[in-house]
N, C-alpha and C. Protein backbone atom coordinates (compact mmCIF):
# COMPACT_ATOMS: atom_id res chain seq x y z
N LEU A 1 3.42 -1.51 -4.30
CA LEU A 1 3.91 -2.66 -3.28
C LEU A 1 2.11 -2.41 -2.65
N PHE A 2 1.43 -4.01 -2.69
CA PHE A 2 0.54 -3.94 -1.98
C PHE A 2 0.86 -5.23 -1.57
N VAL A 3 0.38 -5.21 -0.08
CA VAL A 3 0.85 -6.71 0.94
C VAL A 3 -0.53 -6.67 1.76
N GLY A 4 -0.88 -7.99 1.55
CA GLY A 4 -2.46 -8.10 2.43
C GLY A 4 -2.78 -9.50 1.50
N THR A 5 -3.70 -10.16 2.69
CA THR A 5 -4.82 -11.18 2.29
C THR A 5 -5.41 -10.34 0.73
N LEU A 6 -5.57 -11.43 -0.31
CA LEU A 6 -6.14 -10.92 -1.18
C LEU A 6 -7.93 -10.94 -1.01
N GLU A 7 -8.38 -10.35 -0.69
CA GLU A 7 -9.79 -10.22 -0.32
C GLU A 7 -10.53 -9.25 -0.77
N PRO A 8 -12.13 -8.90 -0.68
CA PRO A 8 -12.76 -7.62 -1.29
C PRO A 8 -12.46 -6.54 -0.05
N ARG A 9 -12.48 -7.09 1.14
CA ARG A 9 -12.30 -5.61 2.14
C ARG A 9 -10.98 -4.76 1.54
N LYS A 10 -9.82 -5.24 1.02
CA LYS A 10 -8.55 -4.53 0.54
C LYS A 10 -8.49 -3.76 -0.30
N ASN A 11 -10.11 -3.85 -1.37
CA ASN A 11 -9.95 -2.87 -2.00
C ASN A 11 -9.17 -2.99 -3.22
N LEU A 12 -8.74 -4.31 -3.75
CA LEU A 12 -8.27 -4.29 -4.88
C LEU A 12 -8.76 -3.60 -6.03
N GLY A 13 -9.78 -3.76 -6.33
CA GLY A 13 -10.47 -3.79 -7.64
C GLY A 13 -10.28 -1.90 -7.86
N ARG A 14 -10.64 -1.31 -7.06
CA ARG A 14 -10.22 0.16 -7.03
C ARG A 14 -8.99 0.84 -7.26
N LEU A 15 -8.04 -0.14 -6.58
CA LEU A 15 -6.70 0.02 -6.59
C LEU A 15 -6.03 -0.28 -7.68
N LEU A 16 -6.64 -1.54 -8.52
CA LEU A 16 -6.24 -1.33 -9.97
C LEU A 16 -6.43 -0.35 -10.64
N GLN A 17 -7.63 -0.31 -10.90
CA GLN A 17 -8.19 0.88 -11.67
C GLN A 17 -7.61 2.14 -11.36
N ALA A 18 -7.11 2.43 -10.33
CA ALA A 18 -6.59 3.79 -10.49
C ALA A 18 -5.11 3.58 -10.79
N PHE A 19 -4.46 2.63 -10.55
CA PHE A 19 -3.24 2.23 -10.72
C PHE A 19 -3.15 2.34 -12.43
N ALA A 20 -4.34 1.83 -13.21
CA ALA A 20 -4.26 1.99 -14.30
C ALA A 20 -4.61 3.21 -14.84
N GLN A 21 -5.17 4.02 -14.76
CA GLN A 21 -5.14 5.23 -14.65
C GLN A 21 -3.92 6.12 -14.76
N VAL A 22 -3.60 5.61 -13.80
CA VAL A 22 -2.01 6.65 -13.36
C VAL A 22 -0.71 5.57 -13.54
N ALA A 23 -0.30 4.58 -13.60
CA ALA A 23 1.05 4.37 -13.79
C ALA A 23 1.12 3.30 -14.51
N CYS A 24 0.23 2.61 -15.18
CA CYS A 24 0.95 1.53 -16.09
C CYS A 24 0.40 1.94 -17.72
N ASN A 25 -0.85 3.06 -17.84
CA ASN A 25 -0.66 3.31 -19.60
C ASN A 25 -0.01 4.47 -19.19
N THR A 26 1.09 5.21 -18.80
CA THR A 26 1.96 5.92 -19.15
C THR A 26 3.34 5.79 -19.64
N PRO A 27 3.80 5.10 -20.42
CA PRO A 27 5.16 4.72 -21.23
C PRO A 27 6.06 6.03 -21.14
N ASP A 28 7.18 6.08 -20.65
CA ASP A 28 7.99 6.46 -21.05
C ASP A 28 8.41 6.88 -22.09
N ALA A 29 8.69 8.06 -22.75
CA ALA A 29 8.55 8.80 -23.87
C ALA A 29 9.45 8.45 -24.64
N SER A 30 10.79 8.07 -24.17
CA SER A 30 11.98 7.63 -24.95
C SER A 30 12.42 6.15 -25.25
N SER A 31 11.51 5.21 -23.94
CA SER A 31 11.96 4.04 -24.45
C SER A 31 10.74 3.19 -24.45
N GLY A 32 9.45 3.97 -24.36
CA GLY A 32 8.31 2.60 -24.31
C GLY A 32 8.04 2.36 -23.26
N ILE A 33 8.87 2.16 -21.91
CA ILE A 33 8.64 1.35 -21.33
C ILE A 33 7.97 1.69 -20.08
N ARG A 34 7.15 1.12 -19.41
CA ARG A 34 5.89 1.39 -18.40
C ARG A 34 7.02 1.43 -17.38
N PRO A 35 7.06 2.62 -16.47
CA PRO A 35 8.07 3.19 -15.62
C PRO A 35 7.56 2.73 -14.16
N PHE A 36 6.47 2.02 -13.88
CA PHE A 36 5.70 1.49 -12.39
C PHE A 36 5.21 0.19 -12.88
N GLN A 37 5.57 -0.66 -11.94
CA GLN A 37 5.11 -2.17 -11.68
C GLN A 37 4.02 -2.01 -10.86
N LEU A 38 3.45 -2.78 -10.25
CA LEU A 38 2.43 -3.11 -9.12
C LEU A 38 2.43 -4.39 -8.62
N VAL A 39 3.33 -4.69 -7.57
CA VAL A 39 3.00 -6.11 -7.04
C VAL A 39 2.20 -6.09 -6.28
N LEU A 40 1.38 -7.15 -5.91
CA LEU A 40 0.64 -7.74 -5.13
C LEU A 40 1.04 -9.21 -4.89
N ALA A 41 1.54 -8.72 -3.28
CA ALA A 41 2.14 -10.31 -2.16
C ALA A 41 0.89 -10.34 -1.32
N GLY A 42 0.60 -11.51 -1.15
CA GLY A 42 -0.29 -11.83 -0.07
C GLY A 42 -1.15 -13.40 -0.63
N ALA A 43 -1.72 -13.57 0.31
CA ALA A 43 -2.37 -15.36 -0.11
C ALA A 43 -3.70 -14.95 -0.09
N ARG A 44 -3.97 -15.51 -1.23
CA ARG A 44 -5.76 -15.64 -1.08
C ARG A 44 -6.74 -15.31 -0.04
N GLY A 45 -7.68 -14.54 0.03
CA GLY A 45 -8.68 -14.64 1.06
C GLY A 45 -10.15 -14.86 0.60
N TRP A 46 -10.71 -14.71 1.25
CA TRP A 46 -12.39 -15.03 1.04
C TRP A 46 -12.78 -14.04 0.51
N GLY A 47 -13.78 -14.36 -0.27
CA GLY A 47 -14.95 -13.53 -1.25
C GLY A 47 -14.64 -14.08 -2.43
N GLY A 48 -13.54 -14.90 -3.10
CA GLY A 48 -13.31 -15.45 -4.26
C GLY A 48 -12.70 -14.54 -5.24
N GLN A 49 -12.28 -13.45 -5.11
CA GLN A 49 -11.69 -12.33 -5.69
C GLN A 49 -11.16 -13.02 -6.99
N GLN A 50 -11.54 -12.73 -8.19
CA GLN A 50 -10.55 -13.04 -9.26
C GLN A 50 -9.65 -12.27 -9.69
N ILE A 51 -8.84 -12.08 -9.49
CA ILE A 51 -7.61 -10.60 -9.47
C ILE A 51 -7.02 -11.11 -10.52
N GLU A 52 -6.71 -12.07 -11.17
CA GLU A 52 -6.22 -12.17 -12.59
C GLU A 52 -7.05 -11.57 -13.58
N ALA A 53 -8.17 -12.05 -13.45
CA ALA A 53 -9.31 -11.13 -14.34
C ALA A 53 -9.63 -10.13 -14.28
N GLU A 54 -9.33 -9.74 -13.06
CA GLU A 54 -9.32 -8.10 -13.07
C GLU A 54 -8.49 -7.52 -13.80
N ILE A 55 -7.13 -8.10 -13.61
CA ILE A 55 -6.04 -7.52 -14.12
C ILE A 55 -6.08 -7.46 -15.70
N SER A 56 -6.35 -8.72 -16.14
CA SER A 56 -6.88 -8.98 -17.47
C SER A 56 -7.66 -8.07 -17.78
N ASN A 57 -8.93 -7.91 -17.76
CA ASN A 57 -10.03 -6.73 -17.79
C ASN A 57 -9.64 -5.38 -17.85
N LEU A 58 -8.38 -5.00 -17.22
CA LEU A 58 -8.16 -3.72 -17.04
C LEU A 58 -6.77 -3.64 -18.04
N GLY A 59 -6.41 -4.59 -18.59
CA GLY A 59 -5.09 -4.30 -19.56
C GLY A 59 -3.76 -4.21 -19.12
N LEU A 60 -4.05 -4.61 -17.97
CA LEU A 60 -2.68 -4.54 -17.07
C LEU A 60 -1.78 -5.89 -16.66
N GLY A 61 -1.76 -6.86 -17.76
CA GLY A 61 -0.97 -7.93 -17.50
C GLY A 61 0.25 -7.58 -17.50
N ALA A 62 0.72 -6.58 -18.24
CA ALA A 62 2.31 -6.48 -18.58
C ALA A 62 3.01 -5.46 -17.23
N CYS A 63 2.33 -5.06 -16.12
CA CYS A 63 2.79 -4.12 -15.51
C CYS A 63 2.07 -4.64 -14.07
N VAL A 64 1.25 -5.24 -13.69
CA VAL A 64 0.86 -6.14 -12.22
C VAL A 64 0.89 -7.34 -12.39
N HIS A 65 1.82 -7.52 -11.16
CA HIS A 65 2.45 -8.89 -10.67
C HIS A 65 1.82 -9.67 -9.49
N VAL A 66 1.35 -10.70 -9.28
CA VAL A 66 0.71 -11.43 -8.46
C VAL A 66 1.48 -12.39 -7.84
N LEU A 67 2.35 -12.17 -6.94
CA LEU A 67 2.90 -13.26 -6.19
C LEU A 67 2.65 -14.11 -5.11
N GLY A 68 1.57 -13.80 -4.63
CA GLY A 68 0.88 -14.55 -3.37
C GLY A 68 1.69 -14.45 -2.44
N ARG A 69 1.97 -15.71 -1.32
CA ARG A 69 2.16 -15.91 -0.12
C ARG A 69 3.98 -15.24 -0.51
N VAL A 70 4.33 -15.04 0.13
CA VAL A 70 6.05 -14.35 0.17
C VAL A 70 6.78 -14.82 1.15
N THR A 71 8.10 -15.40 1.47
CA THR A 71 8.57 -15.32 2.77
C THR A 71 8.81 -14.08 3.54
N ASP A 72 9.51 -14.30 4.95
CA ASP A 72 9.71 -12.97 5.41
C ASP A 72 10.82 -12.26 4.50
N GLU A 73 12.04 -12.69 4.36
CA GLU A 73 12.72 -12.30 3.45
C GLU A 73 12.09 -11.76 2.24
N LYS A 74 11.56 -12.28 1.54
CA LYS A 74 11.57 -11.91 0.10
C LYS A 74 10.34 -10.34 0.62
N LEU A 75 9.47 -10.46 1.42
CA LEU A 75 9.10 -9.19 2.06
C LEU A 75 9.92 -8.20 2.56
N SER A 76 10.60 -8.47 3.16
CA SER A 76 11.90 -7.36 3.14
C SER A 76 12.56 -6.80 2.08
N THR A 77 12.73 -7.14 1.01
CA THR A 77 13.28 -7.19 0.04
C THR A 77 12.49 -6.32 -0.75
N LEU A 78 11.24 -6.88 -0.72
CA LEU A 78 10.07 -5.63 -1.43
C LEU A 78 9.86 -4.31 -1.11
N TYR A 79 9.60 -4.55 0.22
CA TYR A 79 9.47 -3.27 1.12
C TYR A 79 10.75 -2.49 0.87
N LYS A 80 11.73 -3.04 1.01
CA LYS A 80 12.67 -1.96 0.85
C LYS A 80 12.84 -1.08 -0.74
N HIS A 81 12.69 -1.95 -1.76
CA HIS A 81 13.03 -1.71 -3.06
C HIS A 81 11.45 -0.96 -3.89
N ALA A 82 10.32 -1.10 -2.94
CA ALA A 82 8.99 -0.48 -3.52
C ALA A 82 9.09 1.46 -3.70
N VAL A 83 8.52 1.80 -4.51
CA VAL A 83 8.40 3.02 -4.37
C VAL A 83 7.74 3.62 -3.23
N CYS A 84 6.42 2.86 -3.13
CA CYS A 84 5.13 2.92 -2.03
C CYS A 84 4.60 1.73 -1.80
N LEU A 85 4.04 1.81 -0.75
CA LEU A 85 3.14 1.00 -0.53
C LEU A 85 1.63 1.25 -0.51
N ALA A 86 0.92 0.62 -1.35
CA ALA A 86 -0.65 1.42 -1.66
C ALA A 86 -1.24 0.24 -0.72
N MET A 87 -2.44 0.54 0.13
CA MET A 87 -3.09 -0.24 0.74
C MET A 87 -4.19 0.84 0.90
N PRO A 88 -5.18 1.00 0.05
CA PRO A 88 -6.43 1.84 -0.15
C PRO A 88 -7.62 0.74 1.03
N SER A 89 -7.38 0.34 1.54
CA SER A 89 -8.46 -0.82 2.36
C SER A 89 -9.74 -0.18 2.72
N LEU A 90 -10.89 -0.84 2.50
CA LEU A 90 -11.69 -0.30 3.15
C LEU A 90 -12.45 -0.52 4.80
N ASP A 91 -11.36 -1.58 5.29
CA ASP A 91 -11.34 -1.62 6.78
C ASP A 91 -10.15 -2.21 6.99
N GLU A 92 -9.74 -2.12 8.21
CA GLU A 92 -8.41 -2.79 8.66
C GLU A 92 -8.72 -2.74 10.54
N GLY A 93 -8.24 -3.37 11.04
CA GLY A 93 -7.95 -3.64 12.17
C GLY A 93 -6.91 -2.95 12.91
N PHE A 94 -6.09 -3.12 12.05
CA PHE A 94 -4.52 -2.03 12.36
C PHE A 94 -3.68 -1.73 11.02
N GLY A 95 -3.75 -2.61 10.62
CA GLY A 95 -2.46 -2.18 9.43
C GLY A 95 -1.31 -2.75 9.35
N LEU A 96 -0.78 -3.75 9.94
CA LEU A 96 0.15 -4.01 10.22
C LEU A 96 1.45 -3.63 8.79
N PRO A 97 1.02 -4.08 7.51
CA PRO A 97 2.09 -3.49 6.43
C PRO A 97 2.24 -2.46 6.32
N LEU A 98 1.34 -1.36 6.73
CA LEU A 98 1.82 -0.19 6.97
C LEU A 98 2.92 0.74 7.51
N LEU A 99 3.10 0.18 8.84
CA LEU A 99 4.13 0.03 9.75
C LEU A 99 5.34 -0.82 9.50
N GLU A 100 5.39 -1.99 8.44
CA GLU A 100 6.50 -2.82 7.89
C GLU A 100 6.67 -1.72 6.91
N ALA A 101 6.00 -1.47 5.88
CA ALA A 101 6.75 -0.23 5.07
C ALA A 101 7.58 0.79 5.26
N MET A 102 6.77 1.55 6.37
CA MET A 102 7.45 2.63 7.12
C MET A 102 8.81 2.51 7.95
N ALA A 103 8.65 1.06 8.32
CA ALA A 103 10.21 0.83 9.39
C ALA A 103 11.32 0.52 8.18
N HIS A 104 10.94 0.20 7.00
CA HIS A 104 11.61 0.46 5.72
C HIS A 104 11.96 1.43 5.60
N GLY A 105 11.33 2.51 5.46
CA GLY A 105 11.55 3.82 4.87
C GLY A 105 10.74 4.17 3.59
N THR A 106 9.71 3.36 3.55
CA THR A 106 8.86 3.39 2.36
C THR A 106 7.86 4.11 2.59
N PRO A 107 7.48 5.45 1.54
CA PRO A 107 6.03 5.98 1.60
C PRO A 107 4.91 4.96 1.85
N VAL A 108 3.59 5.44 2.31
CA VAL A 108 2.46 4.36 2.17
C VAL A 108 1.54 5.54 1.82
N LEU A 109 0.71 5.17 0.79
CA LEU A 109 -0.69 5.58 0.29
C LEU A 109 -1.77 4.63 0.88
N THR A 110 -2.54 5.08 1.82
CA THR A 110 -3.70 4.63 2.33
C THR A 110 -4.79 5.02 2.45
N SER A 111 -6.15 4.30 3.03
CA SER A 111 -7.54 4.84 3.69
C SER A 111 -7.54 6.27 4.69
N ARG A 112 -8.16 7.13 4.51
CA ARG A 112 -8.43 7.96 5.23
C ARG A 112 -9.55 7.29 6.29
N VAL A 113 -9.83 6.05 6.81
CA VAL A 113 -10.85 5.42 7.32
C VAL A 113 -10.28 4.47 8.61
N ALA A 114 -10.94 4.25 9.26
CA ALA A 114 -10.35 3.51 10.65
C ALA A 114 -9.14 3.64 11.02
N SER A 115 -8.44 2.71 11.69
CA SER A 115 -7.21 3.30 12.52
C SER A 115 -6.08 3.65 11.39
N MET A 116 -6.34 3.26 9.97
CA MET A 116 -4.95 3.83 9.08
C MET A 116 -4.52 5.32 9.15
N PRO A 117 -5.41 5.97 9.12
CA PRO A 117 -4.57 7.65 9.41
C PRO A 117 -3.84 7.90 10.36
N GLU A 118 -4.21 7.09 12.15
CA GLU A 118 -3.44 7.11 12.86
C GLU A 118 -2.15 6.29 13.03
N VAL A 119 -1.95 5.51 11.89
CA VAL A 119 -1.26 4.33 11.47
C VAL A 119 -0.17 5.35 10.51
N ALA A 120 -0.33 5.57 9.62
CA ALA A 120 0.50 6.43 8.88
C ALA A 120 0.69 7.80 9.15
N GLY A 121 0.37 8.26 9.75
CA GLY A 121 0.51 9.75 10.48
C GLY A 121 0.70 10.73 9.44
N ASP A 122 1.77 11.39 9.34
CA ASP A 122 2.35 12.44 7.95
C ASP A 122 3.76 11.50 7.04
N ALA A 123 3.61 10.19 7.34
CA ALA A 123 4.34 9.74 6.86
C ALA A 123 3.48 8.99 5.67
N GLY A 124 2.01 9.41 5.25
CA GLY A 124 1.62 9.00 4.33
C GLY A 124 0.32 9.58 3.51
N VAL A 125 0.08 9.04 2.45
CA VAL A 125 -0.92 9.75 1.65
C VAL A 125 -2.14 9.13 1.96
N LEU A 126 -3.20 9.89 2.32
CA LEU A 126 -4.49 9.71 2.50
C LEU A 126 -5.65 9.81 1.55
N VAL A 127 -6.33 8.89 1.54
CA VAL A 127 -7.06 9.27 0.22
C VAL A 127 -8.70 8.26 0.57
N ASP A 128 -9.58 8.50 -0.23
CA ASP A 128 -10.99 8.25 0.11
C ASP A 128 -10.83 6.65 -0.88
N PRO A 129 -11.30 5.71 -0.06
CA PRO A 129 -11.01 4.36 -0.43
C PRO A 129 -12.34 4.21 -1.29
N LEU A 130 -13.20 4.63 -1.25
CA LEU A 130 -14.64 4.24 -2.06
C LEU A 130 -14.24 4.94 -3.53
N SER A 131 -13.21 5.99 -3.77
CA SER A 131 -12.88 6.84 -4.82
C SER A 131 -12.28 6.31 -5.77
N VAL A 132 -12.35 5.99 -6.86
CA VAL A 132 -10.75 5.46 -7.68
C VAL A 132 -10.19 6.96 -8.07
N ASN A 133 -10.78 8.11 -8.38
CA ASN A 133 -10.37 9.06 -8.51
C ASN A 133 -9.33 9.56 -7.28
N SER A 134 -9.76 9.39 -6.30
CA SER A 134 -8.81 9.78 -5.17
C SER A 134 -7.88 8.99 -4.53
N ILE A 135 -8.09 7.61 -5.32
CA ILE A 135 -6.89 6.63 -5.14
C ILE A 135 -5.99 7.16 -6.20
N ALA A 136 -6.25 7.32 -7.64
CA ALA A 136 -5.21 7.84 -8.56
C ALA A 136 -4.55 9.15 -8.16
N ALA A 137 -5.39 10.08 -7.49
CA ALA A 137 -4.40 11.08 -7.54
C ALA A 137 -3.47 10.83 -5.93
N GLY A 138 -3.96 10.10 -5.46
CA GLY A 138 -2.65 9.80 -4.16
C GLY A 138 -1.63 9.09 -4.62
N LEU A 139 -1.81 8.16 -5.65
CA LEU A 139 -0.54 7.61 -6.39
C LEU A 139 0.38 8.63 -7.16
N ASN A 140 -0.86 9.49 -8.09
CA ASN A 140 -0.11 10.27 -8.65
C ASN A 140 0.96 11.31 -8.23
N GLU A 141 0.71 11.77 -6.60
CA GLU A 141 1.32 12.56 -5.80
C GLU A 141 2.54 11.77 -5.43
N ILE A 142 2.17 10.49 -5.44
CA ILE A 142 3.73 10.24 -4.96
C ILE A 142 4.51 9.53 -6.11
N LEU A 143 4.06 8.83 -7.06
CA LEU A 143 4.66 8.61 -8.28
C LEU A 143 5.49 9.44 -9.27
N ALA A 144 4.76 10.76 -9.49
CA ALA A 144 4.87 12.07 -10.23
C ALA A 144 6.20 12.34 -9.30
N SER A 145 6.26 12.39 -8.17
CA SER A 145 7.23 13.44 -7.33
C SER A 145 8.17 12.99 -6.81
N PRO A 146 9.66 12.57 -6.94
CA PRO A 146 10.70 12.45 -5.90
C PRO A 146 10.56 13.24 -5.05
N GLU A 147 10.37 14.28 -4.90
CA GLU A 147 10.37 15.29 -3.67
C GLU A 147 9.49 14.65 -2.86
N THR A 148 8.26 14.23 -3.16
CA THR A 148 7.04 13.79 -2.16
C THR A 148 7.71 12.66 -1.46
N ARG A 149 8.82 11.76 -2.49
CA ARG A 149 8.95 10.48 -1.97
C ARG A 149 9.52 10.63 -0.79
N ALA A 150 10.81 11.45 -1.15
CA ALA A 150 11.69 11.68 -0.32
C ALA A 150 11.47 12.59 0.71
N ARG A 151 10.42 13.16 0.99
CA ARG A 151 9.75 13.68 2.57
C ARG A 151 8.90 12.67 2.86
N LEU A 152 7.99 11.90 2.62
CA LEU A 152 7.44 11.00 3.01
C LEU A 152 8.72 9.59 3.22
N ALA A 153 9.50 9.41 2.71
CA ALA A 153 10.06 8.48 3.23
C ALA A 153 11.30 8.60 4.46
N ALA A 154 11.63 10.13 4.53
CA ALA A 154 12.30 10.56 5.87
C ALA A 154 11.41 10.79 7.14
N GLN A 155 9.96 10.89 6.79
CA GLN A 155 8.96 11.02 7.83
C GLN A 155 8.48 9.43 8.01
N ALA A 156 9.00 8.20 7.26
CA ALA A 156 8.54 6.70 7.59
C ALA A 156 9.10 6.06 8.88
N MET A 157 10.11 6.26 9.05
CA MET A 157 10.89 5.67 10.02
C MET A 157 10.47 5.85 11.30
N GLY A 158 10.32 7.46 11.57
CA GLY A 158 10.14 8.36 12.78
C GLY A 158 8.58 7.60 12.94
N GLN A 159 7.43 7.59 12.45
CA GLN A 159 6.18 7.19 12.27
C GLN A 159 6.51 5.65 12.68
N ALA A 160 7.02 5.04 12.26
CA ALA A 160 7.30 3.61 12.70
C ALA A 160 7.57 3.33 14.14
N ARG A 161 8.67 4.09 14.17
CA ARG A 161 9.02 3.87 15.73
C ARG A 161 7.46 4.09 16.80
N LYS A 162 6.64 5.07 16.86
CA LYS A 162 6.21 5.36 17.67
C LYS A 162 5.33 3.91 17.92
N PHE A 163 5.24 3.29 17.23
CA PHE A 163 4.41 1.70 17.70
C PHE A 163 5.41 0.72 18.26
N THR A 164 5.79 0.13 19.33
CA THR A 164 5.95 -0.86 19.83
C THR A 164 5.47 -2.01 20.16
N TRP A 165 5.74 -2.89 20.05
CA TRP A 165 5.21 -4.08 21.13
C TRP A 165 5.21 -3.91 22.35
N GLN A 166 6.31 -3.39 22.80
CA GLN A 166 6.20 -2.93 24.26
C GLN A 166 5.08 -1.78 24.61
N ARG A 167 5.25 -1.01 23.94
CA ARG A 167 3.69 -0.06 24.13
C ARG A 167 2.71 -0.29 23.57
N ALA A 168 2.15 -1.23 23.07
CA ALA A 168 1.16 -1.98 22.84
C ALA A 168 0.67 -2.71 24.39
N ALA A 169 2.11 -3.45 24.69
CA ALA A 169 1.68 -4.24 26.02
C ALA A 169 1.22 -3.39 27.03
N GLU A 170 1.90 -1.95 27.06
CA GLU A 170 1.83 -1.56 28.18
C GLU A 170 0.41 -0.38 28.06
N GLU A 171 -0.07 -0.18 26.89
CA GLU A 171 -1.35 0.31 26.74
C GLU A 171 -2.59 -0.86 26.61
N THR A 172 -2.44 -1.73 26.33
CA THR A 172 -3.08 -2.86 27.28
C THR A 172 -3.13 -2.95 28.03
N LEU A 173 -2.39 -3.08 28.90
CA LEU A 173 -2.71 -3.39 30.84
C LEU A 173 -3.11 -1.98 31.25
N LYS A 174 -3.10 -0.88 30.99
CA LYS A 174 -3.67 -0.11 31.60
C LYS A 174 -5.42 0.06 31.42
N ILE A 175 -5.33 -0.15 30.06
CA ILE A 175 -6.69 -0.70 29.95
C ILE A 175 -7.34 -1.40 30.53
N LEU A 176 -6.87 -2.98 30.89
CA LEU A 176 -7.31 -4.21 31.79
C LEU A 176 -7.32 -3.69 33.32
N LEU A 177 -6.26 -2.66 33.58
CA LEU A 177 -6.09 -2.16 35.07
C LEU A 177 -6.94 -1.20 35.32
N SER A 178 -7.55 -0.47 34.51
CA SER A 178 -8.44 0.63 34.81
C SER A 178 -9.90 0.17 34.93
């Protein structure tokens, strides 16, 4: 699952390339079904990214689904049923989808830049957002190992609890009063 505005800083091109390497092109031997799907949930943003063209060029039409903006209820359902949240952004102010996913017990894959390592903590797999191979390796680490997914899921809720609106307000007030 990817959640966020569909724009260049979200690094969707590299995520799609990595997904093509790892998940979409490896059918199950017994059924021929591709076991993993990538769902992109979010409104279109700046930059005029042609997501559908990139999906088509990579031959991912059968296993990548662009939902656009979704309701809070549908988003909650997506988080609950996702194997992981993949958010290898080039830049984030904070990364609220990381917390939302972890609050649902969903493991996360994210960039090792900006605020994302702090937000994900030990409940995430950190990747180099400029390297398709790094993103692919991170996806493979999560998708290929039920044990890794279980470990990350177990840590996710605890990590999410570290961030509350109350704590954010208190920390902001401390800065303003100092």
